[in-house]
Structure formats: C-alpha cells, structure tokens
Amino acid sequence: MQAYELNLAIPANHQITLPAELPTGSLARVIILLEEPQTTPTAGSPKAVLSYLEKLKNRRQQRTSGATQEEIEAYIEDCRNDWDD
C-alpha cells in the first residue's frame, strides 16, 4: 500500500482531477476538510424546521403589527403558498 497526500480544492461540480503521475488502479479515499463547510439544512431536518419557524416568526412580526384585514389575509395566503414550496 502506498499513500499520497494531495491538497485540492473541491469545485462546485465536485469533479476532482488527479495528477497524471499517480499510478492507476484501485484506491481508498479519505476526505479531510480543512475548514467548516457552509451547508444549507436538509429539508425536514430539525435545523431546517427551526430555521423555517424563525423565518415565519420574523415575517409575522414585520407584517402584522398594525395591519389591515386585507394585509393579514395576504399574509395568510403567502404562508399557504410557502407550504407548497
């Protein structure tokens, strides 16, 4: 078994080109990220649900204070449309 250390950047398409001087054949791989990845929470995960609830809370506070009936109904319709997303 031989080991090689490569410092590479992962591009947006996640396609990594290996140096030509590496021998061909089977390999085992270990990925060590040098910095914390910035990820979007997976839909339905606890983090995503909490983020969504916080967003709704902030929107409600912004849109309903002193709102007319029409504005409240429009807000409710917006919330219903978000459910479909």
Protein backbone atom coordinates (compact mmCIF):
# COMPACT_ATOMS: atom_id res chain seq x y z
CA MET A 1 0.00 0.00 0.00
CA GLN A 2 1.23 3.46 -0.89
CA ALA A 3 -0.09 6.76 0.43
CA TYR A 4 -0.15 10.12 -1.33
CA GLU A 5 -1.16 13.43 0.17
CA LEU A 6 -2.88 15.87 -2.18
CA ASN A 7 -4.15 19.29 -1.22
CA LEU A 8 -7.02 20.06 -3.58
CA ALA A 9 -9.98 22.40 -3.74
CA ILE A 10 -13.36 20.84 -4.40
CA PRO A 11 -15.01 22.78 -7.25
CA ALA A 12 -18.77 23.41 -7.48
CA ASN A 13 -19.25 20.43 -9.80
CA HIS A 14 -17.41 18.16 -7.31
CA GLN A 15 -15.16 16.77 -10.08
CA ILE A 16 -11.56 16.41 -8.93
CA THR A 17 -8.77 15.83 -11.44
CA LEU A 18 -5.92 13.76 -10.06
CA PRO A 19 -2.32 14.39 -11.10
CA ALA A 20 -1.19 12.24 -14.05
CA GLU A 21 1.84 10.94 -12.13
CA LEU A 22 -0.39 8.93 -9.76
CA PRO A 23 -0.49 5.25 -10.70
CA THR A 24 -3.74 3.77 -11.97
CA GLY A 25 -5.62 1.13 -10.02
CA SER A 26 -7.91 0.77 -7.02
CA LEU A 27 -7.80 3.22 -4.18
CA ALA A 28 -9.28 4.01 -0.80
CA ARG A 29 -10.07 7.63 -0.12
CA VAL A 30 -10.34 9.79 2.97
CA ILE A 31 -11.53 13.38 2.68
CA ILE A 32 -10.39 15.79 5.39
CA LEU A 33 -11.97 19.22 5.09
CA LEU A 34 -9.60 21.98 6.16
CA GLU A 35 -12.45 24.34 7.02
CA GLU A 36 -16.05 24.02 8.15
CA PRO A 37 -18.37 23.59 5.17
CA GLN A 38 -21.20 26.08 4.77
CA THR A 39 -24.26 23.98 4.20
CA THR A 40 -27.94 24.53 3.77
CA PRO A 41 -30.00 22.43 6.18
CA THR A 42 -31.60 19.36 4.62
CA ALA A 43 -35.35 19.79 4.13
CA GLY A 44 -37.22 18.30 7.06
CA SER A 45 -34.19 18.22 9.36
CA PRO A 46 -34.58 19.76 12.82
CA LYS A 47 -32.27 22.62 11.84
CA ALA A 48 -34.32 23.35 8.69
CA VAL A 49 -37.59 23.27 10.62
CA LEU A 50 -36.27 25.64 13.29
CA SER A 51 -34.93 27.97 10.59
CA TYR A 52 -38.30 27.97 8.83
CA LEU A 53 -40.19 28.67 12.07
CA GLU A 54 -37.85 31.55 12.88
CA LYS A 55 -38.41 32.95 9.39
CA LEU A 56 -42.18 32.76 9.85
CA LYS A 57 -41.98 34.40 13.26
CA ASN A 58 -39.92 37.30 11.87
CA ARG A 59 -42.25 37.72 8.89
CA ARG A 60 -45.31 37.70 11.11
CA GLN A 61 -43.84 40.35 13.39
CA GLN A 62 -42.94 42.54 10.43
CA ARG A 63 -46.20 42.20 8.55
CA THR A 64 -48.98 42.02 11.15
CA SER A 65 -48.30 44.90 13.52
CA GLY A 66 -50.99 47.47 12.71
CA ALA A 67 -52.01 45.54 9.58
CA THR A 68 -55.37 45.85 7.88
CA GLN A 69 -57.61 42.85 7.33
CA GLU A 70 -56.56 42.72 3.66
CA GLU A 71 -52.87 42.71 4.63
CA ILE A 72 -53.45 39.92 7.14
CA GLU A 73 -55.32 37.86 4.54
CA ALA A 74 -52.49 38.43 2.04
CA TYR A 75 -50.01 37.29 4.69
CA ILE A 76 -52.01 34.12 5.33
CA GLU A 77 -52.13 33.44 1.58
CA ASP A 78 -48.33 33.89 1.39
CA CYS A 79 -47.92 31.36 4.21
CA ARG A 80 -50.15 28.89 2.41
CA ASN A 81 -48.09 29.33 -0.75
CA ASP A 82 -44.92 28.62 1.25
CA TRP A 83 -46.35 25.26 2.27
CA ASP A 84 -46.31 24.21 -1.37
CA ASP A 85 -42.60 25.03 -1.72
